[in-house]
Amino acid sequence: MGNITKEQQQKAADQCRHVGDISCVEPSCKQVEDFMLQAERLCIKREQRFTDLRKQVLSLVCQSEQPLGAYALLDLMKDSGRSAAPPTVYRALDFLQEQGFVHRLASNNTYLACAHPQHQHEAVFLVCKKCGNTQELHTDGIYKAVESRAKKVKFKVEHTSVEVAGLCVNCHEV
């Protein structure tokens, strides 16, 4: 009962700490170190290069309490003494999105850390129109419903993103 294998430890580390919850217990900005370690492990497992630039971009996205755009990331990178061209940051964001580490919000072309990068999942984003606070909700069935309806009209879905605009608890109670 006492000894846990390295494989069991790795599997436990890759599991979400809040499985079953409808959303994250803590925003990613409060879990940066854990998130970065998980991303590193997933890149090794997937045989992907997790370069210093990709790490820096992901770290900045994770540390932010609000979704960030590419130019805001460039400004933060300059503040930390590293400069990069916009195409370089966009390539890093593309990689991070492909790996499931970040989500792109189409409504405002910003990025936020994914709550569950260890597996594919459906998510709906609640975006506050007033303060920009964004929360990832875990959902079941919404994407399947969209694909089913699209299939009926012979439309091939390549990507689905659901964003809901409204007011967060802090803004609608003011």
C-alpha atoms as a PDB file:
ATOM      1  CA  MET A   1       0.000   0.000   0.000  1.00  0.00           C
ATOM      2  CA  GLY A   2       2.878   2.355   0.823  1.00  0.00           C
ATOM      3  CA  ASN A   3       5.037   2.555  -2.324  1.00  0.00           C
ATOM      4  CA  ILE A   4       3.813   4.585  -5.277  1.00  0.00           C
ATOM      5  CA  THR A   5       5.566   4.028  -8.589  1.00  0.00           C
ATOM      6  CA  LYS A   6       7.019   6.890 -10.612  1.00  0.00           C
ATOM      7  CA  GLU A   7       4.378   6.218 -13.298  1.00  0.00           C
ATOM      8  CA  GLN A   8       1.578   6.542 -10.719  1.00  0.00           C
ATOM      9  CA  GLN A   9       3.082   9.788  -9.427  1.00  0.00           C
ATOM     10  CA  GLN A  10       3.270  11.154 -12.989  1.00  0.00           C
ATOM     11  CA  LYS A  11      -0.319  10.152 -13.719  1.00  0.00           C
ATOM     12  CA  ALA A  12      -1.501  11.815 -10.497  1.00  0.00           C
ATOM     13  CA  ALA A  13       0.451  14.978 -11.369  1.00  0.00           C
ATOM     14  CA  ASP A  14      -1.258  15.126 -14.774  1.00  0.00           C
ATOM     15  CA  GLN A  15      -4.742  14.788 -13.264  1.00  0.00           C
ATOM     16  CA  CYS A  16      -6.857  17.815 -12.638  1.00  0.00           C
ATOM     17  CA  ARG A  17      -7.208  18.627  -8.961  1.00  0.00           C
ATOM     18  CA  HIS A  18     -10.811  19.664  -9.392  1.00  0.00           C
ATOM     19  CA  VAL A  19     -12.274  16.988 -11.653  1.00  0.00           C
ATOM     20  CA  GLY A  20     -16.036  17.180 -11.699  1.00  0.00           C
ATOM     21  CA  ASP A  21     -16.253  20.873 -10.873  1.00  0.00           C
ATOM     22  CA  ILE A  22     -17.966  23.052 -13.426  1.00  0.00           C
ATOM     23  CA  SER A  23     -15.072  25.473 -13.454  1.00  0.00           C
ATOM     24  CA  CYS A  24     -11.632  25.946 -11.995  1.00  0.00           C
ATOM     25  CA  VAL A  25     -11.351  26.379  -8.266  1.00  0.00           C
ATOM     26  CA  GLU A  26      -8.516  28.844  -8.715  1.00  0.00           C
ATOM     27  CA  PRO A  27      -7.682  30.906 -11.797  1.00  0.00           C
ATOM     28  CA  SER A  28      -4.479  29.875 -13.543  1.00  0.00           C
ATOM     29  CA  CYS A  29      -2.778  33.087 -12.339  1.00  0.00           C
ATOM     30  CA  LYS A  30      -2.676  31.503  -8.859  1.00  0.00           C
ATOM     31  CA  GLN A  31      -1.246  28.180 -10.112  1.00  0.00           C
ATOM     32  CA  VAL A  32       1.566  29.331 -12.397  1.00  0.00           C
ATOM     33  CA  GLU A  33       4.336  27.096 -11.066  1.00  0.00           C
ATOM     34  CA  ASP A  34       2.191  23.940 -11.185  1.00  0.00           C
ATOM     35  CA  PHE A  35       0.886  24.841 -14.629  1.00  0.00           C
ATOM     36  CA  MET A  36       4.375  25.420 -16.036  1.00  0.00           C
ATOM     37  CA  LEU A  37       5.623  22.079 -14.657  1.00  0.00           C
ATOM     38  CA  GLN A  38       2.632  20.321 -16.168  1.00  0.00           C
ATOM     39  CA  ALA A  39       3.230  22.004 -19.540  1.00  0.00           C
ATOM     40  CA  GLU A  40       6.898  20.973 -19.438  1.00  0.00           C
ATOM     41  CA  ARG A  41       5.948  17.341 -18.725  1.00  0.00           C
ATOM     42  CA  LEU A  42       3.322  17.303 -21.463  1.00  0.00           C
ATOM     43  CA  CYS A  43       5.803  18.680 -24.025  1.00  0.00           C
ATOM     44  CA  ILE A  44       8.320  15.984 -23.106  1.00  0.00           C
ATOM     45  CA  LYS A  45       5.631  13.305 -23.321  1.00  0.00           C
ATOM     46  CA  ARG A  46       4.442  14.643 -26.702  1.00  0.00           C
ATOM     47  CA  GLU A  47       8.031  15.117 -27.936  1.00  0.00           C
ATOM     48  CA  GLN A  48       7.500  18.839 -28.504  1.00  0.00           C
ATOM     49  CA  ARG A  49      10.081  21.590 -28.021  1.00  0.00           C
ATOM     50  CA  PHE A  50       9.186  23.867 -25.127  1.00  0.00           C
ATOM     51  CA  THR A  51      11.575  26.707 -25.920  1.00  0.00           C
ATOM     52  CA  ASP A  52      12.450  29.551 -23.573  1.00  0.00           C
ATOM     53  CA  LEU A  53      10.267  31.932 -25.600  1.00  0.00           C
ATOM     54  CA  ARG A  54       7.284  29.568 -25.446  1.00  0.00           C
ATOM     55  CA  LYS A  55       7.819  29.177 -21.697  1.00  0.00           C
ATOM     56  CA  GLN A  56       7.991  32.937 -21.220  1.00  0.00           C
ATOM     57  CA  VAL A  57       4.829  33.568 -23.249  1.00  0.00           C
ATOM     58  CA  LEU A  58       2.935  30.840 -21.395  1.00  0.00           C
ATOM     59  CA  SER A  59       4.173  32.105 -18.036  1.00  0.00           C
ATOM     60  CA  LEU A  60       3.014  35.640 -18.836  1.00  0.00           C
ATOM     61  CA  VAL A  61      -0.404  34.392 -19.968  1.00  0.00           C
ATOM     62  CA  CYS A  62      -0.688  32.286 -16.810  1.00  0.00           C
ATOM     63  CA  GLN A  63       0.315  35.144 -14.513  1.00  0.00           C
ATOM     64  CA  SER A  64      -2.239  37.516 -15.957  1.00  0.00           C
ATOM     65  CA  GLU A  65      -5.582  37.849 -14.230  1.00  0.00           C
ATOM     66  CA  GLN A  66      -7.111  38.849 -17.579  1.00  0.00           C
ATOM     67  CA  PRO A  67      -6.764  37.381 -21.071  1.00  0.00           C
ATOM     68  CA  LEU A  68      -3.841  38.965 -22.962  1.00  0.00           C
ATOM     69  CA  GLY A  69      -3.366  39.962 -26.581  1.00  0.00           C
ATOM     70  CA  ALA A  70      -0.114  39.502 -28.484  1.00  0.00           C
ATOM     71  CA  TYR A  71       0.867  43.165 -28.244  1.00  0.00           C
ATOM     72  CA  ALA A  72       0.254  43.242 -24.480  1.00  0.00           C
ATOM     73  CA  LEU A  73       2.546  40.192 -24.283  1.00  0.00           C
ATOM     74  CA  LEU A  74       5.188  42.028 -26.322  1.00  0.00           C
ATOM     75  CA  ASP A  75       5.028  44.961 -23.887  1.00  0.00           C
ATOM     76  CA  LEU A  76       5.399  42.630 -20.893  1.00  0.00           C
ATOM     77  CA  MET A  77       8.359  40.924 -22.561  1.00  0.00           C
ATOM     78  CA  LYS A  78      10.041  44.286 -23.167  1.00  0.00           C
ATOM     79  CA  ASP A  79       9.486  45.166 -19.497  1.00  0.00           C
ATOM     80  CA  SER A  80      11.359  41.990 -18.538  1.00  0.00           C
ATOM     81  CA  GLY A  81      14.248  42.813 -20.868  1.00  0.00           C
ATOM     82  CA  ARG A  82      13.441  40.491 -23.763  1.00  0.00           C
ATOM     83  CA  SER A  83      12.298  41.781 -27.102  1.00  0.00           C
ATOM     84  CA  ALA A  84      10.524  39.797 -29.775  1.00  0.00           C
ATOM     85  CA  ALA A  85       8.763  40.577 -33.015  1.00  0.00           C
ATOM     86  CA  PRO A  86       4.983  40.139 -33.284  1.00  0.00           C
ATOM     87  CA  PRO A  87       5.244  37.124 -35.649  1.00  0.00           C
ATOM     88  CA  THR A  88       7.467  35.353 -33.099  1.00  0.00           C
ATOM     89  CA  VAL A  89       4.923  35.849 -30.321  1.00  0.00           C
ATOM     90  CA  TYR A  90       2.079  34.745 -32.599  1.00  0.00           C
ATOM     91  CA  ARG A  91       4.019  31.559 -33.489  1.00  0.00           C
ATOM     92  CA  ALA A  92       4.546  30.864 -29.779  1.00  0.00           C
ATOM     93  CA  LEU A  93       0.831  31.436 -29.127  1.00  0.00           C
ATOM     94  CA  ASP A  94      -0.067  29.119 -32.040  1.00  0.00           C
ATOM     95  CA  PHE A  95       2.135  26.395 -30.543  1.00  0.00           C
ATOM     96  CA  LEU A  96       0.650  26.880 -27.069  1.00  0.00           C
ATOM     97  CA  GLN A  97      -2.849  26.739 -28.522  1.00  0.00           C
ATOM     98  CA  GLU A  98      -2.051  23.580 -30.541  1.00  0.00           C
ATOM     99  CA  GLN A  99      -0.770  21.923 -27.368  1.00  0.00           C
ATOM    100  CA  GLY A 100      -3.917  22.922 -25.488  1.00  0.00           C
ATOM    101  CA  PHE A 101      -2.088  25.174 -23.031  1.00  0.00           C
ATOM    102  CA  VAL A 102      -3.990  28.335 -23.988  1.00  0.00           C
ATOM    103  CA  HIS A 103      -7.362  29.226 -25.450  1.00  0.00           C
ATOM    104  CA  ARG A 104      -7.922  32.075 -27.879  1.00  0.00           C
ATOM    105  CA  LEU A 105     -10.934  34.292 -27.330  1.00  0.00           C
ATOM    106  CA  ALA A 106     -12.061  35.292 -30.813  1.00  0.00           C
ATOM    107  CA  SER A 107     -14.235  38.167 -29.593  1.00  0.00           C
ATOM    108  CA  ASN A 108     -11.234  40.229 -28.534  1.00  0.00           C
ATOM    109  CA  ASN A 109      -8.252  38.277 -29.945  1.00  0.00           C
ATOM    110  CA  THR A 110      -6.796  37.511 -26.537  1.00  0.00           C
ATOM    111  CA  TYR A 111      -5.418  34.379 -24.906  1.00  0.00           C
ATOM    112  CA  LEU A 112      -5.913  32.755 -21.524  1.00  0.00           C
ATOM    113  CA  ALA A 113      -4.387  29.686 -19.932  1.00  0.00           C
ATOM    114  CA  CYS A 114      -6.351  26.486 -20.322  1.00  0.00           C
ATOM    115  CA  ALA A 115      -7.670  25.009 -17.092  1.00  0.00           C
ATOM    116  CA  HIS A 116      -7.085  21.429 -18.299  1.00  0.00           C
ATOM    117  CA  PRO A 117      -4.204  21.141 -20.752  1.00  0.00           C
ATOM    118  CA  GLN A 118      -3.742  17.442 -20.027  1.00  0.00           C
ATOM    119  CA  HIS A 119      -6.783  16.397 -22.084  1.00  0.00           C
ATOM    120  CA  GLN A 120      -9.183  17.523 -24.808  1.00  0.00           C
ATOM    121  CA  HIS A 121     -12.368  19.016 -23.413  1.00  0.00           C
ATOM    122  CA  GLU A 122     -15.307  21.236 -24.156  1.00  0.00           C
ATOM    123  CA  ALA A 123     -15.332  24.679 -22.621  1.00  0.00           C
ATOM    124  CA  VAL A 124     -17.514  27.740 -22.633  1.00  0.00           C
ATOM    125  CA  PHE A 125     -15.986  31.082 -21.738  1.00  0.00           C
ATOM    126  CA  LEU A 126     -17.894  33.603 -19.659  1.00  0.00           C
ATOM    127  CA  VAL A 127     -16.495  37.038 -20.522  1.00  0.00           C
ATOM    128  CA  CYS A 128     -17.413  40.066 -18.405  1.00  0.00           C
ATOM    129  CA  LYS A 129     -18.170  43.039 -20.656  1.00  0.00           C
ATOM    130  CA  LYS A 130     -17.223  45.506 -17.930  1.00  0.00           C
ATOM    131  CA  CYS A 131     -13.977  44.268 -16.363  1.00  0.00           C
ATOM    132  CA  GLY A 132     -12.850  41.593 -18.838  1.00  0.00           C
ATOM    133  CA  ASN A 133     -12.804  38.815 -16.232  1.00  0.00           C
ATOM    134  CA  THR A 134     -13.032  35.498 -18.079  1.00  0.00           C
ATOM    135  CA  GLN A 135     -13.934  32.137 -16.628  1.00  0.00           C
ATOM    136  CA  GLU A 136     -13.704  28.752 -18.320  1.00  0.00           C
ATOM    137  CA  LEU A 137     -16.698  26.504 -17.666  1.00  0.00           C
ATOM    138  CA  HIS A 138     -16.569  22.788 -18.314  1.00  0.00           C
ATOM    139  CA  THR A 139     -19.451  21.609 -20.446  1.00  0.00           C
ATOM    140  CA  ASP A 140     -20.880  18.484 -21.982  1.00  0.00           C
ATOM    141  CA  GLY A 141     -22.851  18.274 -25.176  1.00  0.00           C
ATOM    142  CA  ILE A 142     -22.699  21.820 -26.529  1.00  0.00           C
ATOM    143  CA  TYR A 143     -20.031  21.067 -29.124  1.00  0.00           C
ATOM    144  CA  LYS A 144     -21.687  17.784 -30.126  1.00  0.00           C
ATOM    145  CA  ALA A 145     -24.957  19.634 -30.639  1.00  0.00           C
ATOM    146  CA  VAL A 146     -23.227  22.211 -32.854  1.00  0.00           C
ATOM    147  CA  GLU A 147     -21.496  19.485 -34.887  1.00  0.00           C
ATOM    148  CA  SER A 148     -24.724  17.529 -35.244  1.00  0.00           C
ATOM    149  CA  ARG A 149     -26.638  20.555 -36.525  1.00  0.00           C
ATOM    150  CA  ALA A 150     -23.789  21.541 -38.821  1.00  0.00           C
ATOM    151  CA  LYS A 151     -23.609  18.018 -40.241  1.00  0.00           C
ATOM    152  CA  LYS A 152     -27.299  18.218 -41.169  1.00  0.00           C
ATOM    153  CA  VAL A 153     -26.526  21.162 -43.455  1.00  0.00           C
ATOM    154  CA  LYS A 154     -23.339  19.478 -44.740  1.00  0.00           C
ATOM    155  CA  PHE A 155     -21.020  21.901 -42.947  1.00  0.00           C
ATOM    156  CA  LYS A 156     -17.685  20.530 -41.712  1.00  0.00           C
ATOM    157  CA  VAL A 157     -16.795  22.024 -38.329  1.00  0.00           C
ATOM    158  CA  GLU A 158     -13.061  22.606 -37.907  1.00  0.00           C
ATOM    159  CA  HIS A 159     -13.101  24.593 -34.674  1.00  0.00           C
ATOM    160  CA  THR A 160     -15.742  25.532 -32.135  1.00  0.00           C
ATOM    161  CA  SER A 161     -15.429  28.191 -29.492  1.00  0.00           C
ATOM    162  CA  VAL A 162     -18.290  29.402 -27.338  1.00  0.00           C
ATOM    163  CA  GLU A 163     -18.014  32.761 -25.621  1.00  0.00           C
ATOM    164  CA  VAL A 164     -20.793  34.220 -23.514  1.00  0.00           C
ATOM    165  CA  ALA A 165     -20.747  37.964 -22.816  1.00  0.00           C
ATOM    166  CA  GLY A 166     -22.292  39.341 -19.650  1.00  0.00           C
ATOM    167  CA  LEU A 167     -21.394  40.691 -16.224  1.00  0.00           C
ATOM    168  CA  CYS A 168     -19.368  38.836 -13.595  1.00  0.00           C
ATOM    169  CA  VAL A 169     -20.520  38.658  -9.989  1.00  0.00           C
ATOM    170  CA  ASN A 170     -18.353  41.650  -9.035  1.00  0.00           C
ATOM    171  CA  CYS A 171     -19.679  43.893 -11.803  1.00  0.00           C
ATOM    172  CA  HIS A 172     -23.391  43.085 -11.670  1.00  0.00           C
ATOM    173  CA  GLU A 173     -23.584  43.508  -7.897  1.00  0.00           C
ATOM    174  CA  VAL A 174     -22.134  47.035  -8.028  1.00  0.00           C
END
